[in-house]
C-alpha atoms as a PDB file:
ATOM      1  CA  MET A   1     111.637 -10.993 -13.268  1.00  0.00           C
ATOM      2  CA  ILE A   2     109.506  -8.931 -10.872  1.00  0.00           C
ATOM      3  CA  HIS A   3     111.917  -7.462  -8.321  1.00  0.00           C
ATOM      4  CA  TYR A   4     109.308  -6.048  -5.913  1.00  0.00           C
ATOM      5  CA  TRP A   5     109.089  -7.295  -2.302  1.00  0.00           C
ATOM      6  CA  HIS A   6     112.277  -9.318  -2.521  1.00  0.00           C
ATOM      7  CA  ASP A   7     113.157  -8.698   1.138  1.00  0.00           C
ATOM      8  CA  HIS A   8     109.629  -9.461   2.284  1.00  0.00           C
ATOM      9  CA  LEU A   9     109.680 -12.828   0.557  1.00  0.00           C
ATOM     10  CA  LYS A  10     113.094 -13.559   2.081  1.00  0.00           C
ATOM     11  CA  SER A  11     111.540 -12.967   5.496  1.00  0.00           C
ATOM     12  CA  ILE A  12     108.724 -15.384   4.660  1.00  0.00           C
ATOM     13  CA  SER A  13     111.295 -17.916   3.539  1.00  0.00           C
ATOM     14  CA  ARG A  14     113.315 -17.523   6.741  1.00  0.00           C
ATOM     15  CA  GLY A  15     110.095 -18.012   8.697  1.00  0.00           C
ATOM     16  CA  GLY A  16     109.799 -21.550   7.400  1.00  0.00           C
ATOM     17  CA  HIS A  17     107.057 -20.995   4.844  1.00  0.00           C
ATOM     18  CA  ASN A  18     109.126 -22.342   2.007  1.00  0.00           C
ATOM     19  CA  ARG A  19     109.250 -25.821   3.437  1.00  0.00           C
ATOM     20  CA  LYS A  20     107.751 -28.625   1.378  1.00  0.00           C
ATOM     21  CA  GLY A  21     104.041 -29.141   1.842  1.00  0.00           C
ATOM     22  CA  TYR A  22     103.306 -25.700   3.303  1.00  0.00           C
ATOM     23  CA  GLU A  23     102.083 -22.595   1.600  1.00  0.00           C
ATOM     24  CA  PHE A  24      99.515 -19.877   2.097  1.00  0.00           C
ATOM     25  CA  GLU A  25      96.276 -20.794   0.354  1.00  0.00           C
ATOM     26  CA  ASN A  26      95.021 -17.279  -0.347  1.00  0.00           C
ATOM     27  CA  PRO A  27      96.022 -13.618   0.111  1.00  0.00           C
ATOM     28  CA  SER A  28      94.028 -13.301   3.329  1.00  0.00           C
ATOM     29  CA  GLN A  29      96.242 -15.869   5.044  1.00  0.00           C
ATOM     30  CA  LEU A  30      99.240 -13.864   3.915  1.00  0.00           C
ATOM     31  CA  TYR A  31      97.671 -10.642   5.238  1.00  0.00           C
ATOM     32  CA  ASP A  32      96.785 -12.311   8.531  1.00  0.00           C
ATOM     33  CA  SER A  33     100.323 -13.597   9.025  1.00  0.00           C
ATOM     34  CA  ARG A  34     103.050 -11.543  10.631  1.00  0.00           C
ATOM     35  CA  TYR A  35     104.612 -10.924   7.214  1.00  0.00           C
ATOM     36  CA  VAL A  36     102.277  -8.076   6.274  1.00  0.00           C
ATOM     37  CA  GLY A  37     101.635  -5.099   8.519  1.00  0.00           C
ATOM     38  CA  THR A  38     103.794  -3.138  10.920  1.00  0.00           C
ATOM     39  CA  PRO A  39     106.846  -5.469  11.051  1.00  0.00           C
ATOM     40  CA  LEU A  40     107.455  -5.286   7.316  1.00  0.00           C
ATOM     41  CA  GLY A  41     105.842  -1.922   6.689  1.00  0.00           C
ATOM     42  CA  LEU A  42     103.297  -3.062   4.098  1.00  0.00           C
ATOM     43  CA  GLN A  43      99.750  -1.763   4.455  1.00  0.00           C
ATOM     44  CA  ASP A  44      96.918  -4.307   4.693  1.00  0.00           C
ATOM     45  CA  LEU A  45      94.570  -3.098   1.937  1.00  0.00           C
ATOM     46  CA  ARG A  46      91.492  -5.057   2.977  1.00  0.00           C
ATOM     47  CA  TYR A  47      88.445  -2.917   3.660  1.00  0.00           C
ATOM     48  CA  GLU A  48      88.275  -3.464   7.429  1.00  0.00           C
ATOM     49  CA  ALA A  49      91.951  -2.558   7.840  1.00  0.00           C
ATOM     50  CA  LEU A  50      91.516   0.670   5.879  1.00  0.00           C
ATOM     51  CA  LYS A  51      88.276   1.459   7.713  1.00  0.00           C
ATOM     52  CA  ASP A  52      90.066   1.010  11.049  1.00  0.00           C
ATOM     53  CA  LEU A  53      92.688   3.560   9.962  1.00  0.00           C
ATOM     54  CA  LEU A  54      90.011   6.088   9.046  1.00  0.00           C
ATOM     55  CA  GLU A  55      87.757   5.533  12.057  1.00  0.00           C
ATOM     56  CA  ASN A  56      90.315   5.046  14.824  1.00  0.00           C
ATOM     57  CA  HIS A  57      93.609   6.540  13.684  1.00  0.00           C
ATOM     58  CA  CYS A  58      92.602   9.628  11.681  1.00  0.00           C
ATOM     59  CA  ARG A  59      92.523  13.142  13.123  1.00  0.00           C
ATOM     60  CA  ASN A  60      90.304  14.571  10.403  1.00  0.00           C
ATOM     61  CA  ILE A  61      88.352  12.240   8.127  1.00  0.00           C
ATOM     62  CA  ASP A  62      87.641  15.072   5.693  1.00  0.00           C
ATOM     63  CA  LYS A  63      91.378  15.492   5.116  1.00  0.00           C
ATOM     64  CA  GLY A  64      91.929  11.755   4.885  1.00  0.00           C
ATOM     65  CA  LYS A  65      94.372   9.384   6.529  1.00  0.00           C
ATOM     66  CA  PRO A  66      97.926   9.262   5.141  1.00  0.00           C
ATOM     67  CA  ILE A  67      99.608   5.923   4.537  1.00  0.00           C
ATOM     68  CA  LYS A  68     102.980   7.119   5.758  1.00  0.00           C
ATOM     69  CA  PRO A  69     105.452   7.732   4.288  1.00  0.00           C
ATOM     70  CA  SER A  70     104.136   6.757   0.851  1.00  0.00           C
ATOM     71  CA  GLY A  71     102.355  10.029   0.027  1.00  0.00           C
ATOM     72  CA  LEU A  72      99.079   8.137  -0.380  1.00  0.00           C
ATOM     73  CA  ARG A  73      95.973   9.147   1.548  1.00  0.00           C
ATOM     74  CA  LEU A  74      92.711   7.355   2.366  1.00  0.00           C
ATOM     75  CA  PHE A  75      89.259   8.902   1.996  1.00  0.00           C
ATOM     76  CA  TYR A  76      85.720   7.648   2.223  1.00  0.00           C
ATOM     77  CA  ALA A  77      83.831   8.052  -1.040  1.00  0.00           C
ATOM     78  CA  LEU A  78      81.798  11.262  -0.933  1.00  0.00           C
ATOM     79  CA  THR A  79      78.378   9.600  -0.694  1.00  0.00           C
ATOM     80  CA  ASP A  80      79.199   6.031   0.297  1.00  0.00           C
ATOM     81  CA  LYS A  81      81.129   4.859   3.353  1.00  0.00           C
ATOM     82  CA  SER A  82      81.218   1.324   1.972  1.00  0.00           C
ATOM     83  CA  LEU A  83      83.866   2.557  -0.477  1.00  0.00           C
ATOM     84  CA  ILE A  84      87.322   3.806   0.498  1.00  0.00           C
ATOM     85  CA  ARG A  85      89.413   5.618  -2.082  1.00  0.00           C
ATOM     86  CA  VAL A  86      93.213   5.767  -2.109  1.00  0.00           C
ATOM     87  CA  MET A  87      94.488   9.067  -3.495  1.00  0.00           C
ATOM     88  CA  HIS A  88      97.875  10.499  -4.454  1.00  0.00           C
ATOM     89  CA  TYR A  89      97.350  14.222  -3.866  1.00  0.00           C
ATOM     90  CA  ASP A  90      94.199  14.960  -5.930  1.00  0.00           C
ATOM     91  CA  SER A  91      94.553  11.945  -8.221  1.00  0.00           C
ATOM     92  CA  PRO A  92      92.690   8.685  -7.468  1.00  0.00           C
ATOM     93  CA  LEU A  93      94.730   5.494  -7.676  1.00  0.00           C
ATOM     94  CA  PHE A  94      92.316   2.794  -6.601  1.00  0.00           C
ATOM     95  CA  SER A  95      89.331   2.143  -4.352  1.00  0.00           C
ATOM     96  CA  VAL A  96      88.385  -0.746  -2.041  1.00  0.00           C
ATOM     97  CA  ASP A  97      84.754  -1.582  -1.327  1.00  0.00           C
ATOM     98  CA  SER A  98      83.205  -3.451   1.618  1.00  0.00           C
ATOM     99  CA  ASN A  99      83.404  -6.712  -0.381  1.00  0.00           C
ATOM    100  CA  ASN A 100      87.178  -6.278  -0.600  1.00  0.00           C
ATOM    101  CA  ILE A 101      87.128  -5.615  -4.340  1.00  0.00           C
ATOM    102  CA  LEU A 102      89.944  -3.285  -5.340  1.00  0.00           C
ATOM    103  CA  THR A 103      89.247  -1.196  -8.452  1.00  0.00           C
ATOM    104  CA  TRP A 104      91.953   0.740 -10.298  1.00  0.00           C
ATOM    105  CA  GLU A 105      90.873   4.343 -10.961  1.00  0.00           C
ATOM    106  CA  MET A 106      94.055   6.158 -12.034  1.00  0.00           C
ATOM    107  CA  ARG A 107      93.838   8.874 -14.683  1.00  0.00           C
ATOM    108  CA  TRP A 108      97.185   8.038 -16.256  1.00  0.00           C
ATOM    109  CA  LEU A 109      99.707   5.222 -16.146  1.00  0.00           C
ATOM    110  CA  GLY A 110     103.292   5.165 -15.013  1.00  0.00           C
ATOM    111  CA  GLY A 111     105.616   7.251 -12.941  1.00  0.00           C
ATOM    112  CA  TYR A 112     107.631   6.799  -9.779  1.00  0.00           C
ATOM    113  CA  MET A 113     104.627   6.667  -7.433  1.00  0.00           C
ATOM    114  CA  GLN A 114     102.732   3.900  -9.236  1.00  0.00           C
ATOM    115  CA  THR A 115     105.790   1.702  -9.611  1.00  0.00           C
ATOM    116  CA  THR A 116     108.805   2.186  -7.375  1.00  0.00           C
ATOM    117  CA  ALA A 117     107.202   4.039  -4.454  1.00  0.00           C
ATOM    118  CA  MET A 118     103.888   2.216  -4.144  1.00  0.00           C
ATOM    119  CA  CYS A 119     105.411  -1.225  -3.717  1.00  0.00           C
ATOM    120  CA  GLN A 120     107.567  -0.026  -0.822  1.00  0.00           C
ATOM    121  CA  TYR A 121     104.541   0.514   1.429  1.00  0.00           C
ATOM    122  CA  ASN A 122     101.749  -1.506  -0.191  1.00  0.00           C
ATOM    123  CA  PRO A 123     101.391  -5.122  -1.328  1.00  0.00           C
ATOM    124  CA  ILE A 124     100.273  -3.906  -4.753  1.00  0.00           C
ATOM    125  CA  ALA A 125     101.815  -1.777  -7.529  1.00  0.00           C
ATOM    126  CA  LEU A 126     102.266  -1.440 -11.274  1.00  0.00           C
ATOM    127  CA  TYR A 127     105.146  -3.052 -13.134  1.00  0.00           C
ATOM    128  CA  ARG A 128     106.399  -1.471 -16.361  1.00  0.00           C
ATOM    129  CA  LEU A 129     106.942  -3.802 -19.299  1.00  0.00           C
ATOM    130  CA  GLY A 130     107.118  -1.147 -22.024  1.00  0.00           C
ATOM    131  CA  THR A 131     105.505   2.023 -23.331  1.00  0.00           C
ATOM    132  CA  ASN A 132     101.891   2.150 -22.078  1.00  0.00           C
ATOM    133  CA  ASN A 133     102.347  -1.472 -21.030  1.00  0.00           C
ATOM    134  CA  TYR A 134     101.967  -1.991 -17.271  1.00  0.00           C
ATOM    135  CA  SER A 135     101.020  -5.117 -15.365  1.00  0.00           C
ATOM    136  CA  VAL A 136      99.273  -5.065 -12.021  1.00  0.00           C
ATOM    137  CA  VAL A 137     101.344  -7.047  -9.555  1.00  0.00           C
ATOM    138  CA  THR A 138     100.705  -7.906  -5.919  1.00  0.00           C
ATOM    139  CA  LEU A 139     102.707  -9.498  -3.132  1.00  0.00           C
ATOM    140  CA  TRP A 140     100.451 -12.521  -3.553  1.00  0.00           C
ATOM    141  CA  ASP A 141     101.350 -12.773  -7.251  1.00  0.00           C
ATOM    142  CA  LYS A 142     105.039 -12.593  -6.384  1.00  0.00           C
ATOM    143  CA  TYR A 143     104.597 -15.198  -3.644  1.00  0.00           C
ATOM    144  CA  LYS A 144     102.932 -17.519  -6.183  1.00  0.00           C
ATOM    145  CA  GLY A 145     105.807 -17.043  -8.614  1.00  0.00           C
ATOM    146  CA  ARG A 146     103.769 -15.419 -11.370  1.00  0.00           C
ATOM    147  CA  LYS A 147     105.633 -13.656 -14.167  1.00  0.00           C
ATOM    148  CA  ALA A 148     104.915 -10.083 -15.215  1.00  0.00           C
ATOM    149  CA  TYR A 149     103.590 -11.055 -18.660  1.00  0.00           C
ATOM    150  CA  GLU A 150     101.251 -13.595 -17.041  1.00  0.00           C
ATOM    151  CA  LEU A 151      99.515 -10.843 -15.091  1.00  0.00           C
ATOM    152  CA  PRO A 152      96.791  -8.601 -16.558  1.00  0.00           C
ATOM    153  CA  TYR A 153      97.576  -5.168 -17.873  1.00  0.00           C
ATOM    154  CA  VAL A 154      96.123  -2.314 -15.876  1.00  0.00           C
ATOM    155  CA  PHE A 155      93.268  -0.153 -17.137  1.00  0.00           C
ATOM    156  CA  HIS A 156      90.753   2.165 -15.508  1.00  0.00           C
ATOM    157  CA  GLY A 157      88.155  -0.124 -13.909  1.00  0.00           C
ATOM    158  CA  LEU A 158      90.263  -3.278 -13.522  1.00  0.00           C
ATOM    159  CA  LYS A 159      88.947  -5.178 -10.477  1.00  0.00           C
ATOM    160  CA  TYR A 160      90.914  -7.413  -8.105  1.00  0.00           C
ATOM    161  CA  ASN A 161      89.583  -9.561  -5.255  1.00  0.00           C
ATOM    162  CA  LEU A 162      91.835  -8.955  -2.249  1.00  0.00           C
ATOM    163  CA  LEU A 163      90.591 -12.135  -0.515  1.00  0.00           C
ATOM    164  CA  THR A 164      91.062 -14.639  -3.338  1.00  0.00           C
ATOM    165  CA  GLY A 165      93.725 -12.996  -5.519  1.00  0.00           C
ATOM    166  CA  GLU A 166      91.495 -13.132  -8.623  1.00  0.00           C
ATOM    167  CA  TYR A 167      91.373 -10.474 -11.313  1.00  0.00           C
ATOM    168  CA  LEU A 168      87.657 -10.216 -12.074  1.00  0.00           C
ATOM    169  CA  ASN A 169      87.571  -8.459 -15.442  1.00  0.00           C
ATOM    170  CA  ALA A 170      91.057  -8.833 -16.885  1.00  0.00           C
ATOM    171  CA  LYS A 171      91.521  -8.232 -20.609  1.00  0.00           C
ATOM    172  CA  LEU A 172      93.840  -9.926 -23.056  1.00  0.00           C
ATOM    173  CA  ARG A 173      96.861  -8.088 -24.410  1.00  0.00           C
ATOM    174  CA  HIS A 174      95.464  -7.625 -27.898  1.00  0.00           C
ATOM    175  CA  LYS A 175      97.600  -6.115 -30.619  1.00  0.00           C
ATOM    176  CA  THR A 176      96.128  -3.632 -33.088  1.00  0.00           C
ATOM    177  CA  VAL A 177      94.842  -5.504 -36.128  1.00  0.00           C
ATOM    178  CA  GLU A 178      93.124  -3.636 -38.960  1.00  0.00           C
ATOM    179  CA  LYS A 179      90.941  -5.021 -41.744  1.00  0.00           C
ATOM    180  CA  PRO A 180      92.896  -4.492 -44.988  1.00  0.00           C
ATOM    181  CA  GLU A 181      90.043  -3.264 -47.205  1.00  0.00           C
ATOM    182  CA  GLN A 182      88.549  -0.937 -44.570  1.00  0.00           C
ATOM    183  CA  ARG A 183      92.004   0.421 -43.773  1.00  0.00           C
ATOM    184  CA  LYS A 184      92.595   1.133 -47.457  1.00  0.00           C
ATOM    185  CA  GLN A 185      89.310   3.065 -47.683  1.00  0.00           C
ATOM    186  CA  TRP A 186      90.104   5.010 -44.497  1.00  0.00           C
ATOM    187  CA  ARG A 187      93.581   5.972 -45.712  1.00  0.00           C
ATOM    188  CA  LYS A 188      92.158   7.166 -49.030  1.00  0.00           C
ATOM    189  CA  LEU A 189      89.520   9.269 -47.282  1.00  0.00           C
ATOM    190  CA  LEU A 190      92.007  10.669 -44.765  1.00  0.00           C
ATOM    191  CA  SER A 191      94.716  11.528 -47.299  1.00  0.00           C
ATOM    192  CA  ARG A 192      92.291  13.406 -49.531  1.00  0.00           C
ATOM    193  CA  HIS A 193      90.809  15.366 -46.642  1.00  0.00           C
ATOM    194  CA  LYS A 194      94.161  16.266 -45.072  1.00  0.00           C
ATOM    195  CA  LYS A 195      95.417  17.518 -48.428  1.00  0.00           C
ATOM    196  CA  ILE A 196      92.455  19.889 -48.766  1.00  0.00           C
ATOM    197  CA  LEU A 197      92.634  20.981 -45.138  1.00  0.00           C
ATOM    198  CA  LYS A 198      96.392  21.561 -45.119  1.00  0.00           C
ATOM    199  CA  THR A 199      96.161  23.630 -48.286  1.00  0.00           C
ATOM    200  CA  THR A 200      93.434  25.754 -46.699  1.00  0.00           C
ATOM    201  CA  VAL A 201      95.242  26.422 -43.425  1.00  0.00           C
ATOM    202  CA  THR A 202      98.552  27.065 -45.198  1.00  0.00           C
ATOM    203  CA  LEU A 203      97.366  29.347 -47.974  1.00  0.00           C
ATOM    204  CA  GLY A 204      94.448  30.834 -46.087  1.00  0.00           C
ATOM    205  CA  ASP A 205      96.461  31.716 -43.002  1.00  0.00           C
ATOM    206  CA  VAL A 206      93.726  30.412 -40.673  1.00  0.00           C
ATOM    207  CA  LYS A 207      94.112  32.146 -37.335  1.00  0.00           C
ATOM    208  CA  THR A 208      92.880  30.792 -34.046  1.00  0.00           C
ATOM    209  CA  ILE A 209      89.990  32.209 -32.026  1.00  0.00           C
ATOM    210  CA  GLY A 210      90.590  35.192 -29.777  1.00  0.00           C
ATOM    211  CA  TYR A 211      90.311  35.196 -25.996  1.00  0.00           C
ATOM    212  CA  ASN A 212      86.894  36.813 -25.519  1.00  0.00           C
ATOM    213  CA  GLN A 213      85.157  34.592 -28.039  1.00  0.00           C
ATOM    214  CA  ARG A 214      86.945  31.546 -26.634  1.00  0.00           C
ATOM    215  CA  MET A 215      85.581  32.266 -23.159  1.00  0.00           C
ATOM    216  CA  LYS A 216      82.054  32.591 -24.556  1.00  0.00           C
ATOM    217  CA  ILE A 217      82.272  29.223 -26.300  1.00  0.00           C
ATOM    218  CA  GLN A 218      83.795  27.573 -23.236  1.00  0.00           C
ATOM    219  CA  ASN A 219      80.769  28.558 -21.178  1.00  0.00           C
ATOM    220  CA  HIS A 220      78.426  26.998 -23.733  1.00  0.00           C
ATOM    221  CA  LEU A 221      80.493  23.809 -23.864  1.00  0.00           C
ATOM    222  CA  MET A 222      80.506  23.568 -20.071  1.00  0.00           C
ATOM    223  CA  ASP A 223      76.707  23.760 -20.073  1.00  0.00           C
ATOM    224  CA  LYS A 224      76.373  20.954 -22.606  1.00  0.00           C
ATOM    225  CA  PHE A 225      79.388  18.709 -21.989  1.00  0.00           C
ATOM    226  CA  LYS A 226      80.720  19.706 -18.557  1.00  0.00           C
ATOM    227  CA  THR A 227      84.051  20.298 -20.260  1.00  0.00           C
ATOM    228  CA  ARG A 228      85.753  23.212 -22.008  1.00  0.00           C
ATOM    229  CA  ASP A 229      87.045  20.974 -24.788  1.00  0.00           C
ATOM    230  CA  ILE A 230      85.189  19.815 -27.874  1.00  0.00           C
ATOM    231  CA  PRO A 231      84.483  16.089 -27.261  1.00  0.00           C
ATOM    232  CA  TRP A 232      85.708  14.996 -30.688  1.00  0.00           C
ATOM    233  CA  ASN A 233      85.483  11.281 -29.868  1.00  0.00           C
ATOM    234  CA  ARG A 234      81.729  11.322 -29.112  1.00  0.00           C
ATOM    235  CA  ARG A 235      79.844   9.357 -31.716  1.00  0.00           C
ATOM    236  CA  GLN A 236      77.766  12.346 -32.833  1.00  0.00           C
ATOM    237  CA  LEU A 237      80.856  14.489 -33.514  1.00  0.00           C
ATOM    238  CA  VAL A 238      82.718  11.620 -35.173  1.00  0.00           C
ATOM    239  CA  GLU A 239      79.763  11.242 -37.539  1.00  0.00           C
ATOM    240  CA  TYR A 240      79.877  14.973 -38.261  1.00  0.00           C
ATOM    241  CA  VAL A 241      83.630  15.037 -38.998  1.00  0.00           C
ATOM    242  CA  LEU A 242      83.436  11.943 -41.209  1.00  0.00           C
ATOM    243  CA  GLY A 243      80.523  13.535 -43.066  1.00  0.00           C
ATOM    244  CA  VAL A 244      82.660  16.597 -43.736  1.00  0.00           C
ATOM    245  CA  MET A 245      85.549  14.422 -44.894  1.00  0.00           C
ATOM    246  CA  LYS A 246      83.338  12.511 -47.335  1.00  0.00           C
ATOM    247  CA  SER A 247      81.765  15.703 -48.721  1.00  0.00           C
ATOM    248  CA  ASN A 248      85.096  17.133 -49.923  1.00  0.00           C
ATOM    249  CA  THR A 249      84.019  20.492 -48.515  1.00  0.00           C
ATOM    250  CA  LEU A 250      85.173  22.559 -45.556  1.00  0.00           C
ATOM    251  CA  PRO A 251      82.165  24.167 -43.825  1.00  0.00           C
ATOM    252  CA  GLN A 252      82.992  27.326 -41.920  1.00  0.00           C
ATOM    253  CA  GLU A 253      81.672  25.760 -38.707  1.00  0.00           C
ATOM    254  CA  TYR A 254      84.191  22.916 -39.049  1.00  0.00           C
ATOM    255  CA  ILE A 255      87.064  25.350 -39.627  1.00  0.00           C
ATOM    256  CA  ASN A 256      85.951  27.371 -36.602  1.00  0.00           C
ATOM    257  CA  MET A 257      85.860  24.238 -34.449  1.00  0.00           C
ATOM    258  CA  LEU A 258      89.477  23.569 -35.358  1.00  0.00           C
ATOM    259  CA  ARG A 259      90.325  27.221 -34.680  1.00  0.00           C
ATOM    260  CA  TYR A 260      88.858  26.821 -31.200  1.00  0.00           C
ATOM    261  CA  HIS A 261      90.588  23.470 -30.647  1.00  0.00           C
ATOM    262  CA  TYR A 262      93.966  25.113 -31.334  1.00  0.00           C
ATOM    263  CA  ALA A 263      93.053  28.400 -29.653  1.00  0.00           C
ATOM    264  CA  TYR A 264      96.348  28.604 -27.777  1.00  0.00           C
ATOM    265  CA  TYR A 265      98.312  28.738 -31.029  1.00  0.00           C
ATOM    266  CA  GLU A 266      98.658  31.908 -33.057  1.00  0.00           C
ATOM    267  CA  GLN A 267      97.527  30.128 -36.192  1.00  0.00           C
ATOM    268  CA  ILE A 268      96.861  26.590 -37.391  1.00  0.00           C
ATOM    269  CA  GLY A 269      99.539  24.863 -39.443  1.00  0.00           C
ATOM    270  CA  ALA A 270      99.950  21.575 -41.294  1.00  0.00           C
ATOM    271  CA  SER A 271     101.531  19.949 -38.228  1.00  0.00           C
ATOM    272  CA  ASN A 272      98.374  20.690 -36.215  1.00  0.00           C
ATOM    273  CA  ILE A 273      96.280  18.850 -38.786  1.00  0.00           C
ATOM    274  CA  GLU A 274      98.580  15.832 -38.584  1.00  0.00           C
ATOM    275  CA  SER A 275      98.461  15.737 -34.779  1.00  0.00           C
ATOM    276  CA  PHE A 276      94.653  16.130 -34.739  1.00  0.00           C
ATOM    277  CA  PHE A 277      93.992  13.065 -36.881  1.00  0.00           C
ATOM    278  CA  SER A 278      96.748  11.112 -35.169  1.00  0.00           C
ATOM    279  CA  HIS A 279      95.047  11.734 -31.828  1.00  0.00           C
ATOM    280  CA  TYR A 280      91.385  11.269 -32.782  1.00  0.00           C
ATOM    281  CA  GLY A 281      91.836   8.855 -35.688  1.00  0.00           C
ATOM    282  CA  THR A 282      91.287   5.816 -33.463  1.00  0.00           C
ATOM    283  CA  ALA A 283      87.710   6.880 -32.666  1.00  0.00           C
ATOM    284  CA  MET A 284      87.013   7.540 -36.349  1.00  0.00           C
ATOM    285  CA  LYS A 285      88.412   4.163 -37.392  1.00  0.00           C
ATOM    286  CA  GLU A 286      86.352   2.443 -34.716  1.00  0.00           C
ATOM    287  CA  TYR A 287      83.220   4.078 -36.114  1.00  0.00           C
ATOM    288  CA  LEU A 288      84.119   2.920 -39.637  1.00  0.00           C
ATOM    289  CA  GLY A 289      84.841  -0.642 -38.488  1.00  0.00           C
ATOM    290  CA  VAL A 290      88.504  -0.551 -39.500  1.00  0.00           C
ATOM    291  CA  PHE A 291      89.734  -2.534 -36.482  1.00  0.00           C
ATOM    292  CA  GLU A 292      89.655  -6.252 -35.871  1.00  0.00           C
ATOM    293  CA  THR A 293      91.123  -5.449 -32.447  1.00  0.00           C
ATOM    294  CA  VAL A 294      92.501  -2.302 -30.837  1.00  0.00           C
ATOM    295  CA  GLY A 295      95.871  -2.778 -29.169  1.00  0.00           C
ATOM    296  CA  PHE A 296      95.911  -2.553 -25.383  1.00  0.00           C
ATOM    297  CA  THR A 297      98.750   0.011 -25.465  1.00  0.00           C
ATOM    298  CA  ASN A 298      96.678   2.406 -27.581  1.00  0.00           C
ATOM    299  CA  SER A 299      96.158   5.444 -25.353  1.00  0.00           C
ATOM    300  CA  LYS A 300      94.275   7.545 -27.921  1.00  0.00           C
ATOM    301  CA  PRO A 301      90.638   8.561 -27.221  1.00  0.00           C
ATOM    302  CA  ARG A 302      88.247   5.718 -28.053  1.00  0.00           C
ATOM    303  CA  LEU A 303      84.817   6.077 -29.638  1.00  0.00           C
ATOM    304  CA  ASN A 304      82.347   7.296 -27.001  1.00  0.00           C
ATOM    305  CA  ASN A 305      78.885   5.832 -27.623  1.00  0.00           C
ATOM    306  CA  GLU A 306      77.186   7.238 -24.532  1.00  0.00           C
ATOM    307  CA  ALA A 307      73.720   8.712 -25.060  1.00  0.00           C
ATOM    308  CA  VAL A 308      73.493  12.512 -25.046  1.00  0.00           C
ATOM    309  CA  ASN A 309      70.609  14.904 -24.441  1.00  0.00           C
ATOM    310  CA  TYR A 310      71.518  17.448 -27.095  1.00  0.00           C
ATOM    311  CA  SER A 311      71.525  17.788 -30.856  1.00  0.00           C
ATOM    312  CA  ILE A 312      74.780  17.810 -32.766  1.00  0.00           C
ATOM    313  CA  ASP A 313      73.375  20.814 -34.650  1.00  0.00           C
ATOM    314  CA  ASP A 314      73.331  22.744 -31.371  1.00  0.00           C
ATOM    315  CA  VAL A 315      77.041  22.113 -30.950  1.00  0.00           C
ATOM    316  CA  VAL A 316      77.980  22.921 -34.538  1.00  0.00           C
ATOM    317  CA  ASN A 317      75.917  26.106 -34.429  1.00  0.00           C
ATOM    318  CA  LEU A 318      78.106  27.398 -31.603  1.00  0.00           C
ATOM    319  CA  PHE A 319      80.771  27.795 -34.258  1.00  0.00           C
ATOM    320  CA  SER A 320      78.606  29.364 -36.950  1.00  0.00           C
ATOM    321  CA  LYS A 321      79.665  32.568 -38.660  1.00  0.00           C
ATOM    322  CA  GLN A 322      76.856  34.387 -36.895  1.00  0.00           C
ATOM    323  CA  ASN A 323      77.968  33.296 -33.399  1.00  0.00           C
ATOM    324  CA  LEU A 324      81.588  34.154 -34.150  1.00  0.00           C
ATOM    325  CA  LYS A 325      80.797  37.455 -35.760  1.00  0.00           C
ATOM    326  CA  GLY A 326      83.622  39.912 -35.218  1.00  0.00           C
ATOM    327  CA  VAL A 327      86.027  37.291 -33.906  1.00  0.00           C
ATOM    328  CA  ASP A 328      88.792  38.199 -36.343  1.00  0.00           C
ATOM    329  CA  ASN A 329      88.733  41.769 -35.115  1.00  0.00           C
ATOM    330  CA  GLU A 330      89.605  40.871 -31.487  1.00  0.00           C
END
């Protein structure tokens, strides 16, 4: 049972809105009633209400308007005043546009703010059902008697209409289902490659890349990817890694990429190899068509098919023996 807003719903009940034949027809009627707003302390999240806070009750728009005492703060989007973003410190939670469409934008799921704290001051929050399993729940959902498992799970980009109470792009709670034959082929390929790689890093005492060389590579990666990390889940790099796995060889560039990936360790061990393929294996299996469906609780990096304006050879060459010349002497 969803326990949020219990006292608020008791107030609605005491106000006579539980009598037979009467009920609010949509969330807007609930927002317009005296049961949301100052008396009960819940913030009206419709665009005009948030805009009024920013335009008429905010000392400095650049610093945002706090929704006291929740720790949340309102900001206009940087280039578009038709979009208002709700932040928790420097982390976005959701945005509301001028059509009253709320879009979830959080970078990670869970925690006190998104569950227990948010529902105390807002008619919307997350409800934890299990590991990486959170439903979006609103005061309107609770008023309508909806159960947690009936509500959609939250993901980055989930859209909710604040006027009608509809979830516009909800996804089903799929479980991970793999195709037996493709899974068998993947496991065979993976086991063989990990055996070779673990033997190499164990017997060869593969050390990680030193600080100066790491900084040089980071600058190149920032120019190409706008990130200091190797984007292992991009389609082009997944193709490269799978090609290495199928070749039964270990090119020096590939070893150097792993050395960079684990640059904050003194040396790479067998446990690092296990964690690498555990983390990025989902993207590789997606590329190989292993999945019937990917479970909604899977938080591992997914295959990134976005177009890029660079050659994979340019990336691999960053880790060539020539570019890393002298690295072991740092």
